[in-house]
Amino acid sequence: MKTTYYLNGKKTSKKSLTEMLCTDHLKQLTNSAKEGFMEDPYEEQDFFLGAIGMLTIQFS
């Protein structure tokens, strides 16, 4: 399953996200998004990160 990250609507690499966030926190968000995707694939997986912005995780 391919994972795509968007920060404030712009495609972002996992490497740049790990620089902004802790690696463990990014893994938690990705696992949470994966669980939500398995329950309902049509639901958008968004997370508010405070001053950083809105993180959207998509799977394909």
Protein backbone atom coordinates (compact mmCIF):
# COMPACT_ATOMS: atom_id res chain seq x y z
CA MET A 1 0.00 0.00 0.00
CA LYS A 2 1.49 3.35 -1.06
CA THR A 3 1.32 6.20 1.45
CA THR A 4 1.16 9.84 0.30
CA TYR A 5 1.52 12.77 2.68
CA TYR A 6 0.07 16.26 2.13
CA LEU A 7 0.88 19.21 4.38
CA ASN A 8 -1.51 22.13 3.92
CA GLY A 9 -2.65 20.68 0.59
CA LYS A 10 0.87 20.30 -0.87
CA LYS A 11 2.54 16.94 -1.41
CA THR A 12 5.29 16.40 1.16
CA SER A 13 7.96 13.76 1.56
CA LYS A 14 8.21 11.53 4.60
CA LYS A 15 11.77 12.77 5.16
CA SER A 16 10.68 16.41 5.51
CA LEU A 17 7.89 15.39 7.89
CA THR A 18 10.32 13.49 10.12
CA GLU A 19 12.42 16.67 10.35
CA MET A 20 9.35 18.61 11.56
CA LEU A 21 7.88 15.85 13.73
CA CYS A 22 9.34 13.09 15.86
CA THR A 23 9.64 9.77 14.01
CA ASP A 24 7.50 8.02 16.64
CA HIS A 25 4.75 10.64 16.33
CA LEU A 26 4.68 10.27 12.53
CA LYS A 27 4.44 6.46 12.90
CA GLN A 28 1.50 6.90 15.30
CA LEU A 29 -0.29 9.21 12.87
CA THR A 30 0.35 6.85 9.95
CA ASN A 31 -0.92 3.82 11.90
CA SER A 32 -4.00 5.75 13.01
CA ALA A 33 -4.69 6.81 9.43
CA LYS A 34 -4.20 3.23 8.21
CA GLU A 35 -6.75 1.96 10.77
CA GLY A 36 -9.22 4.64 9.69
CA PHE A 37 -8.64 3.76 6.04
CA MET A 38 -9.32 0.07 6.68
CA GLU A 39 -12.61 0.94 8.39
CA ASP A 40 -13.80 3.35 5.68
CA PRO A 41 -11.62 3.94 2.59
CA TYR A 42 -13.73 6.94 1.48
CA GLU A 43 -13.07 8.93 4.67
CA GLU A 44 -10.29 11.50 4.50
CA GLN A 45 -7.50 11.04 7.05
CA ASP A 46 -6.62 14.54 8.36
CA PHE A 47 -4.65 15.57 11.43
CA PHE A 48 -4.23 19.11 12.80
CA LEU A 49 -0.62 19.72 13.83
CA GLY A 50 -0.96 23.15 15.42
CA ALA A 51 1.40 25.76 14.00
CA ILE A 52 2.71 23.32 11.35
CA GLY A 53 -0.69 22.99 9.68
CA MET A 54 -3.02 20.25 8.46
CA LEU A 55 -1.56 16.84 7.58
CA THR A 56 -3.52 14.63 5.18
CA ILE A 57 -2.48 11.00 4.68
CA GLN A 58 -3.75 9.09 1.64
CA PHE A 59 -3.30 5.43 0.73
CA SER A 60 -3.48 3.85 -2.71
